[in-house]
C-alpha cells in the first residue's frame, strides 16, 4: 500500500462547509493526553486494517476517549 497522509482542519469560530488543507498541526497537550491520542490512533489503525471494506470508515477521538472534555477540539481519522 502506498503511504498516504493529508491533514485538514476547521478553524475555530470560523464557519466553513468544508475542511481546509493544513500544512502542519501542533498538538499542545500533557503527556497523559498525548498517550490517549496515541492509543486512539493505534486502535483506529488496527480497526482499519481489520475492516473488509474501509470506504467511509472514520473514528472520532471524542467518541473513543473517556477523558474527553467539551472544550477540546475533535480529532477525526479517516481510512485511506
PDB file of N, CA and C in Angstrom:
ATOM      1  N   UNK A   1       0.840  -1.181   0.000  1.00  0.00           N
ATOM      2  CA  UNK A   1       0.000   0.000   0.000  1.00  0.00           C
ATOM      3  C   UNK A   1       0.886   1.245   0.000  1.00  0.00           C
ATOM      4  N   UNK A   2       0.528   2.215  -0.789  1.00  0.00           N
ATOM      5  CA  UNK A   2       1.250   3.473  -0.865  1.00  0.00           C
ATOM      6  C   UNK A   2       0.927   4.322   0.364  1.00  0.00           C
ATOM      7  N   UNK A   3       1.946   4.866   1.051  1.00  0.00           N
ATOM      8  CA  UNK A   3       1.668   5.732   2.201  1.00  0.00           C
ATOM      9  C   UNK A   3       0.814   6.929   1.789  1.00  0.00           C
ATOM     10  N   UNK A   4      -0.062   7.325   2.673  1.00  0.00           N
ATOM     11  CA  UNK A   4      -0.923   8.474   2.409  1.00  0.00           C
ATOM     12  C   UNK A   4      -1.070   9.279   3.684  1.00  0.00           C
ATOM     13  N   UNK A   5      -0.959  10.593   3.580  1.00  0.00           N
ATOM     14  CA  UNK A   5      -1.215  11.490   4.703  1.00  0.00           C
ATOM     15  C   UNK A   5      -1.691  12.819   4.160  1.00  0.00           C
ATOM     16  N   UNK A   6      -2.840  13.242   4.620  1.00  0.00           N
ATOM     17  CA  UNK A   6      -3.286  14.609   4.373  1.00  0.00           C
ATOM     18  C   UNK A   6      -3.912  15.101   5.673  1.00  0.00           C
ATOM     19  N   UNK A   7      -3.771  16.364   5.928  1.00  0.00           N
ATOM     20  CA  UNK A   7      -4.320  16.979   7.137  1.00  0.00           C
ATOM     21  C   UNK A   7      -5.299  18.056   6.728  1.00  0.00           C
ATOM     22  N   UNK A   8      -6.472  18.043   7.340  1.00  0.00           N
ATOM     23  CA  UNK A   8      -7.498  19.043   7.066  1.00  0.00           C
ATOM     24  C   UNK A   8      -8.031  19.555   8.386  1.00  0.00           C
ATOM     25  N   UNK A   9      -8.497  20.793   8.401  1.00  0.00           N
ATOM     26  CA  UNK A   9      -8.983  21.352   9.659  1.00  0.00           C
ATOM     27  C   UNK A   9     -10.101  22.363   9.414  1.00  0.00           C
ATOM     28  N   UNK A  10     -10.878  22.531  10.447  1.00  0.00           N
ATOM     29  CA  UNK A  10     -11.860  23.610  10.513  1.00  0.00           C
ATOM     30  C   UNK A  10     -11.301  24.621  11.501  1.00  0.00           C
ATOM     31  N   UNK A  11     -11.322  25.876  11.138  1.00  0.00           N
ATOM     32  CA  UNK A  11     -10.810  26.914  12.026  1.00  0.00           C
ATOM     33  C   UNK A  11     -11.842  27.209  13.110  1.00  0.00           C
ATOM     34  N   UNK A  12     -11.353  27.356  14.316  1.00  0.00           N
ATOM     35  CA  UNK A  12     -12.237  27.623  15.450  1.00  0.00           C
ATOM     36  C   UNK A  12     -13.014  28.917  15.226  1.00  0.00           C
ATOM     37  N   UNK A  13     -14.297  28.848  15.480  1.00  0.00           N
ATOM     38  CA  UNK A  13     -15.198  30.007  15.376  1.00  0.00           C
ATOM     39  C   UNK A  13     -15.280  30.595  13.967  1.00  0.00           C
ATOM     40  N   UNK A  14     -14.914  29.818  12.955  1.00  0.00           N
ATOM     41  CA  UNK A  14     -14.998  30.264  11.569  1.00  0.00           C
ATOM     42  C   UNK A  14     -15.848  29.264  10.786  1.00  0.00           C
ATOM     43  N   UNK A  15     -17.072  29.661  10.434  1.00  0.00           N
ATOM     44  CA  UNK A  15     -17.932  28.730   9.710  1.00  0.00           C
ATOM     45  C   UNK A  15     -17.310  28.321   8.376  1.00  0.00           C
ATOM     46  N   UNK A  16     -17.415  27.034   8.080  1.00  0.00           N
ATOM     47  CA  UNK A  16     -16.907  26.517   6.825  1.00  0.00           C
ATOM     48  C   UNK A  16     -17.668  25.245   6.493  1.00  0.00           C
ATOM     49  N   UNK A  17     -18.019  25.089   5.243  1.00  0.00           N
ATOM     50  CA  UNK A  17     -18.732  23.889   4.831  1.00  0.00           C
ATOM     51  C   UNK A  17     -17.781  22.739   4.553  1.00  0.00           C
ATOM     52  N   UNK A  18     -16.510  23.037   4.394  1.00  0.00           N
ATOM     53  CA  UNK A  18     -15.533  22.008   4.047  1.00  0.00           C
ATOM     54  C   UNK A  18     -14.252  22.250   4.832  1.00  0.00           C
ATOM     55  N   UNK A  19     -13.643  21.158   5.280  1.00  0.00           N
ATOM     56  CA  UNK A  19     -12.363  21.282   5.973  1.00  0.00           C
ATOM     57  C   UNK A  19     -11.305  21.820   5.016  1.00  0.00           C
ATOM     58  N   UNK A  20     -10.395  22.604   5.549  1.00  0.00           N
ATOM     59  CA  UNK A  20      -9.337  23.219   4.752  1.00  0.00           C
ATOM     60  C   UNK A  20      -8.041  22.429   4.899  1.00  0.00           C
ATOM     61  N   UNK A  21      -7.247  22.330   3.835  1.00  0.00           N
ATOM     62  CA  UNK A  21      -5.960  21.646   3.944  1.00  0.00           C
ATOM     63  C   UNK A  21      -5.048  22.389   4.920  1.00  0.00           C
ATOM     64  N   UNK A  22      -4.335  21.641   5.748  1.00  0.00           N
ATOM     65  CA  UNK A  22      -3.402  22.229   6.714  1.00  0.00           C
ATOM     66  C   UNK A  22      -1.983  21.809   6.343  1.00  0.00           C
ATOM     67  N   UNK A  23      -1.049  22.723   6.470  1.00  0.00           N
ATOM     68  CA  UNK A  23       0.343  22.395   6.180  1.00  0.00           C
ATOM     69  C   UNK A  23       1.018  21.739   7.368  1.00  0.00           C
ATOM     70  N   UNK A  24       0.527  22.015   8.559  1.00  0.00           N
ATOM     71  CA  UNK A  24       1.050  21.364   9.753  1.00  0.00           C
ATOM     72  C   UNK A  24       0.015  21.466  10.875  1.00  0.00           C
ATOM     73  N   UNK A  25       0.201  20.641  11.886  1.00  0.00           N
ATOM     74  CA  UNK A  25      -0.688  20.619  13.041  1.00  0.00           C
ATOM     75  C   UNK A  25       0.187  20.623  14.285  1.00  0.00           C
ATOM     76  N   UNK A  26      -0.158  21.442  15.251  1.00  0.00           N
ATOM     77  CA  UNK A  26       0.540  21.484  16.522  1.00  0.00           C
ATOM     78  C   UNK A  26      -0.376  20.921  17.593  1.00  0.00           C
ATOM     79  N   UNK A  27       0.110  19.964  18.354  1.00  0.00           N
ATOM     80  CA  UNK A  27      -0.663  19.405  19.461  1.00  0.00           C
ATOM     81  C   UNK A  27      -0.034  19.911  20.756  1.00  0.00           C
ATOM     82  N   UNK A  28      -0.789  20.683  21.509  1.00  0.00           N
ATOM     83  CA  UNK A  28      -0.332  21.222  22.786  1.00  0.00           C
ATOM     84  C   UNK A  28      -1.069  20.440  23.866  1.00  0.00           C
ATOM     85  N   UNK A  29      -0.394  19.486  24.503  1.00  0.00           N
ATOM     86  CA  UNK A  29      -1.070  18.592  25.430  1.00  0.00           C
ATOM     87  C   UNK A  29      -0.092  18.056  26.471  1.00  0.00           C
ATOM     88  N   UNK A  30      -0.665  17.605  27.581  1.00  0.00           N
ATOM     89  CA  UNK A  30       0.137  16.970  28.618  1.00  0.00           C
ATOM     90  C   UNK A  30       0.444  15.523  28.206  1.00  0.00           C
ATOM     91  N   UNK A  31       1.401  14.868  28.858  1.00  0.00           N
ATOM     92  CA  UNK A  31       1.778  13.510  28.474  1.00  0.00           C
ATOM     93  C   UNK A  31       0.618  12.508  28.501  1.00  0.00           C
ATOM     94  N   UNK A  32      -0.273  12.588  29.471  1.00  0.00           N
ATOM     95  CA  UNK A  32      -1.396  11.644  29.538  1.00  0.00           C
ATOM     96  C   UNK A  32      -2.321  11.810  28.339  1.00  0.00           C
ATOM     97  N   UNK A  33      -2.547  13.046  27.934  1.00  0.00           N
ATOM     98  CA  UNK A  33      -3.392  13.299  26.776  1.00  0.00           C
ATOM     99  C   UNK A  33      -2.720  12.810  25.499  1.00  0.00           C
ATOM    100  N   UNK A  34      -1.414  13.032  25.371  1.00  0.00           N
ATOM    101  CA  UNK A  34      -0.685  12.521  24.211  1.00  0.00           C
ATOM    102  C   UNK A  34      -0.776  10.998  24.146  1.00  0.00           C
ATOM    103  N   UNK A  35      -0.694  10.336  25.293  1.00  0.00           N
ATOM    104  CA  UNK A  35      -0.826   8.875  25.312  1.00  0.00           C
ATOM    105  C   UNK A  35      -2.230   8.446  24.904  1.00  0.00           C
ATOM    106  N   UNK A  36      -3.242   9.179  25.339  1.00  0.00           N
ATOM    107  CA  UNK A  36      -4.622   8.855  24.951  1.00  0.00           C
ATOM    108  C   UNK A  36      -4.798   9.011  23.447  1.00  0.00           C
ATOM    109  N   UNK A  37      -4.226  10.058  22.876  1.00  0.00           N
ATOM    110  CA  UNK A  37      -4.295  10.268  21.427  1.00  0.00           C
ATOM    111  C   UNK A  37      -3.547   9.146  20.710  1.00  0.00           C
ATOM    112  N   UNK A  38      -2.372   8.780  21.204  1.00  0.00           N
ATOM    113  CA  UNK A  38      -1.602   7.700  20.589  1.00  0.00           C
ATOM    114  C   UNK A  38      -2.382   6.392  20.639  1.00  0.00           C
ATOM    115  N   UNK A  39      -3.011   6.101  21.752  1.00  0.00           N
ATOM    116  CA  UNK A  39      -3.821   4.889  21.875  1.00  0.00           C
ATOM    117  C   UNK A  39      -4.959   4.909  20.857  1.00  0.00           C
ATOM    118  N   UNK A  40      -5.629   6.041  20.731  1.00  0.00           N
ATOM    119  CA  UNK A  40      -6.715   6.201  19.762  1.00  0.00           C
ATOM    120  C   UNK A  40      -6.222   5.965  18.336  1.00  0.00           C
ATOM    121  N   UNK A  41      -5.081   6.535  17.991  1.00  0.00           N
ATOM    122  CA  UNK A  41      -4.539   6.367  16.643  1.00  0.00           C
ATOM    123  C   UNK A  41      -4.180   4.912  16.369  1.00  0.00           C
ATOM    124  N   UNK A  42      -3.556   4.242  17.331  1.00  0.00           N
ATOM    125  CA  UNK A  42      -3.198   2.836  17.149  1.00  0.00           C
ATOM    126  C   UNK A  42      -4.438   1.954  17.041  1.00  0.00           C
ATOM    127  N   UNK A  43      -5.430   2.201  17.881  1.00  0.00           N
ATOM    128  CA  UNK A  43      -6.670   1.414  17.831  1.00  0.00           C
ATOM    129  C   UNK A  43      -7.397   1.643  16.510  1.00  0.00           C
ATOM    130  N   UNK A  44      -7.394   2.874  16.026  1.00  0.00           N
ATOM    131  CA  UNK A  44      -8.031   3.175  14.743  1.00  0.00           C
ATOM    132  C   UNK A  44      -7.306   2.478  13.600  1.00  0.00           C
ATOM    133  N   UNK A  45      -5.978   2.500  13.621  1.00  0.00           N
ATOM    134  CA  UNK A  45      -5.201   1.825  12.581  1.00  0.00           C
ATOM    135  C   UNK A  45      -5.502   0.326  12.584  1.00  0.00           C
ATOM    136  N   UNK A  46      -5.586  -0.264  13.764  1.00  0.00           N
ATOM    137  CA  UNK A  46      -5.909  -1.687  13.858  1.00  0.00           C
ATOM    138  C   UNK A  46      -7.304  -1.968  13.300  1.00  0.00           C
ATOM    139  N   UNK A  47      -8.268  -1.139  13.644  1.00  0.00           N
ATOM    140  CA  UNK A  47      -9.641  -1.330  13.149  1.00  0.00           C
ATOM    141  C   UNK A  47      -9.691  -1.185  11.635  1.00  0.00           C
ATOM    142  N   UNK A  48      -8.980  -0.219  11.087  1.00  0.00           N
ATOM    143  CA  UNK A  48      -8.953  -0.019   9.643  1.00  0.00           C
ATOM    144  C   UNK A  48      -8.302  -1.223   8.952  1.00  0.00           C
ATOM    145  N   UNK A  49      -7.227  -1.748   9.550  1.00  0.00           N
ATOM    146  CA  UNK A  49      -6.554  -2.925   8.989  1.00  0.00           C
ATOM    147  C   UNK A  49      -7.473  -4.140   8.930  1.00  0.00           C
ATOM    148  N   UNK A  50      -8.303  -4.314   9.938  1.00  0.00           N
ATOM    149  CA  UNK A  50      -9.167  -5.494  10.034  1.00  0.00           C
ATOM    150  C   UNK A  50     -10.444  -5.390   9.198  1.00  0.00           C
ATOM    151  N   UNK A  51     -10.766  -4.202   8.751  1.00  0.00           N
ATOM    152  CA  UNK A  51     -12.026  -3.988   8.030  1.00  0.00           C
ATOM    153  C   UNK A  51     -11.986  -4.617   6.645  1.00  0.00           C
ATOM    154  N   UNK A  52     -13.086  -5.238   6.275  1.00  0.00           N
ATOM    155  CA  UNK A  52     -13.223  -5.791   4.932  1.00  0.00           C
ATOM    156  C   UNK A  52     -13.393  -4.656   3.919  1.00  0.00           C
ATOM    157  N   UNK A  53     -14.147  -3.653   4.291  1.00  0.00           N
ATOM    158  CA  UNK A  53     -14.425  -2.506   3.415  1.00  0.00           C
ATOM    159  C   UNK A  53     -14.126  -1.224   4.191  1.00  0.00           C
ATOM    160  N   UNK A  54     -13.098  -0.483   3.778  1.00  0.00           N
ATOM    161  CA  UNK A  54     -12.685   0.724   4.501  1.00  0.00           C
ATOM    162  C   UNK A  54     -13.358   1.998   4.004  1.00  0.00           C
ATOM    163  N   UNK A  55     -13.991   1.949   2.872  1.00  0.00           N
ATOM    164  CA  UNK A  55     -14.581   3.156   2.303  1.00  0.00           C
ATOM    165  C   UNK A  55     -15.499   3.823   3.317  1.00  0.00           C
ATOM    166  N   UNK A  56     -15.222   5.062   3.602  1.00  0.00           N
ATOM    167  CA  UNK A  56     -16.051   5.843   4.526  1.00  0.00           C
ATOM    168  C   UNK A  56     -15.752   5.612   5.997  1.00  0.00           C
ATOM    169  N   UNK A  57     -14.844   4.687   6.306  1.00  0.00           N
ATOM    170  CA  UNK A  57     -14.526   4.434   7.722  1.00  0.00           C
ATOM    171  C   UNK A  57     -13.847   5.648   8.338  1.00  0.00           C
ATOM    172  N   UNK A  58     -14.279   5.984   9.528  1.00  0.00           N
ATOM    173  CA  UNK A  58     -13.636   7.056  10.273  1.00  0.00           C
ATOM    174  C   UNK A  58     -13.911   6.851  11.757  1.00  0.00           C
ATOM    175  N   UNK A  59     -13.146   7.542  12.581  1.00  0.00           N
ATOM    176  CA  UNK A  59     -13.313   7.464  14.029  1.00  0.00           C
ATOM    177  C   UNK A  59     -13.048   8.837  14.624  1.00  0.00           C
ATOM    178  N   UNK A  60     -13.766   9.139  15.702  1.00  0.00           N
ATOM    179  CA  UNK A  60     -13.631  10.418  16.403  1.00  0.00           C
ATOM    180  C   UNK A  60     -13.009  10.181  17.775  1.00  0.00           C
ATOM    181  N   UNK A  61     -12.001  10.959  18.094  1.00  0.00           N
ATOM    182  CA  UNK A  61     -11.394  10.879  19.423  1.00  0.00           C
ATOM    183  C   UNK A  61     -12.437  11.133  20.502  1.00  0.00           C
ATOM    184  N   UNK A  62     -13.341  12.070  20.270  1.00  0.00           N
ATOM    185  CA  UNK A  62     -14.330  12.408  21.299  1.00  0.00           C
ATOM    186  C   UNK A  62     -15.234  11.223  21.635  1.00  0.00           C
ATOM    187  N   UNK A  63     -15.419  10.293  20.699  1.00  0.00           N
ATOM    188  CA  UNK A  63     -16.242   9.116  20.945  1.00  0.00           C
ATOM    189  C   UNK A  63     -15.461   7.991  21.615  1.00  0.00           C
ATOM    190  N   UNK A  64     -14.141   8.023  21.501  1.00  0.00           N
ATOM    191  CA  UNK A  64     -13.322   6.900  21.945  1.00  0.00           C
ATOM    192  C   UNK A  64     -12.606   7.129  23.277  1.00  0.00           C
ATOM    193  N   UNK A  65     -12.532   8.356  23.731  1.00  0.00           N
ATOM    194  CA  UNK A  65     -11.704   8.675  24.901  1.00  0.00           C
ATOM    195  C   UNK A  65     -12.582   9.111  26.058  1.00  0.00           C
ATOM    196  N   UNK A  66     -12.488   8.386  27.164  1.00  0.00           N
ATOM    197  CA  UNK A  66     -13.309   8.714  28.345  1.00  0.00           C
ATOM    198  C   UNK A  66     -12.883  10.035  28.991  1.00  0.00           C
ATOM    199  N   UNK A  67     -11.667  10.501  28.707  1.00  0.00           N
ATOM    200  CA  UNK A  67     -11.191  11.764  29.264  1.00  0.00           C
ATOM    201  C   UNK A  67     -11.579  12.984  28.440  1.00  0.00           C
ATOM    202  N   UNK A  68     -12.429  12.773  27.451  1.00  0.00           N
ATOM    203  CA  UNK A  68     -12.843  13.866  26.564  1.00  0.00           C
ATOM    204  C   UNK A  68     -13.512  14.987  27.347  1.00  0.00           C
ATOM    205  N   UNK A  69     -13.224  16.230  26.968  1.00  0.00           N
ATOM    206  CA  UNK A  69     -13.872  17.405  27.547  1.00  0.00           C
ATOM    207  C   UNK A  69     -14.463  18.229  26.407  1.00  0.00           C
ATOM    208  N   UNK A  70     -15.602  18.844  26.666  1.00  0.00           N
ATOM    209  CA  UNK A  70     -16.331  19.560  25.620  1.00  0.00           C
ATOM    210  C   UNK A  70     -15.551  20.700  24.971  1.00  0.00           C
ATOM    211  N   UNK A  71     -14.559  21.245  25.651  1.00  0.00           N
ATOM    212  CA  UNK A  71     -13.802  22.359  25.074  1.00  0.00           C
ATOM    213  C   UNK A  71     -12.589  21.879  24.262  1.00  0.00           C
ATOM    214  N   UNK A  72     -12.414  20.558  24.129  1.00  0.00           N
ATOM    215  CA  UNK A  72     -11.326  20.022  23.315  1.00  0.00           C
ATOM    216  C   UNK A  72     -11.735  20.021  21.844  1.00  0.00           C
ATOM    217  N   UNK A  73     -10.786  20.248  20.937  1.00  0.00           N
ATOM    218  CA  UNK A  73     -11.089  20.060  19.512  1.00  0.00           C
ATOM    219  C   UNK A  73     -11.141  18.569  19.224  1.00  0.00           C
ATOM    220  N   UNK A  74     -12.008  18.150  18.329  1.00  0.00           N
ATOM    221  CA  UNK A  74     -12.104  16.736  17.994  1.00  0.00           C
ATOM    222  C   UNK A  74     -10.961  16.364  17.050  1.00  0.00           C
ATOM    223  N   UNK A  75     -10.565  15.116  17.108  1.00  0.00           N
ATOM    224  CA  UNK A  75      -9.585  14.570  16.177  1.00  0.00           C
ATOM    225  C   UNK A  75     -10.296  13.442  15.450  1.00  0.00           C
ATOM    226  N   UNK A  76     -10.394  13.552  14.135  1.00  0.00           N
ATOM    227  CA  UNK A  76     -11.083  12.569  13.317  1.00  0.00           C
ATOM    228  C   UNK A  76     -10.055  11.920  12.406  1.00  0.00           C
ATOM    229  N   UNK A  77     -10.029  10.589  12.405  1.00  0.00           N
ATOM    230  CA  UNK A  77      -9.162   9.864  11.477  1.00  0.00           C
ATOM    231  C   UNK A  77     -10.047   9.180  10.442  1.00  0.00           C
ATOM    232  N   UNK A  78      -9.591   9.198   9.187  1.00  0.00           N
ATOM    233  CA  UNK A  78     -10.363   8.638   8.071  1.00  0.00           C
ATOM    234  C   UNK A  78      -9.477   7.620   7.366  1.00  0.00           C
ATOM    235  N   UNK A  79     -10.024   6.442   7.118  1.00  0.00           N
ATOM    236  CA  UNK A  79      -9.261   5.399   6.441  1.00  0.00           C
ATOM    237  C   UNK A  79      -8.924   5.805   5.022  1.00  0.00           C
ATOM    238  N   UNK A  80      -7.675   5.567   4.644  1.00  0.00           N
ATOM    239  CA  UNK A  80      -7.234   5.875   3.266  1.00  0.00           C
ATOM    240  C   UNK A  80      -7.394   4.640   2.408  1.00  0.00           C
TER     241      UNK A  80
END
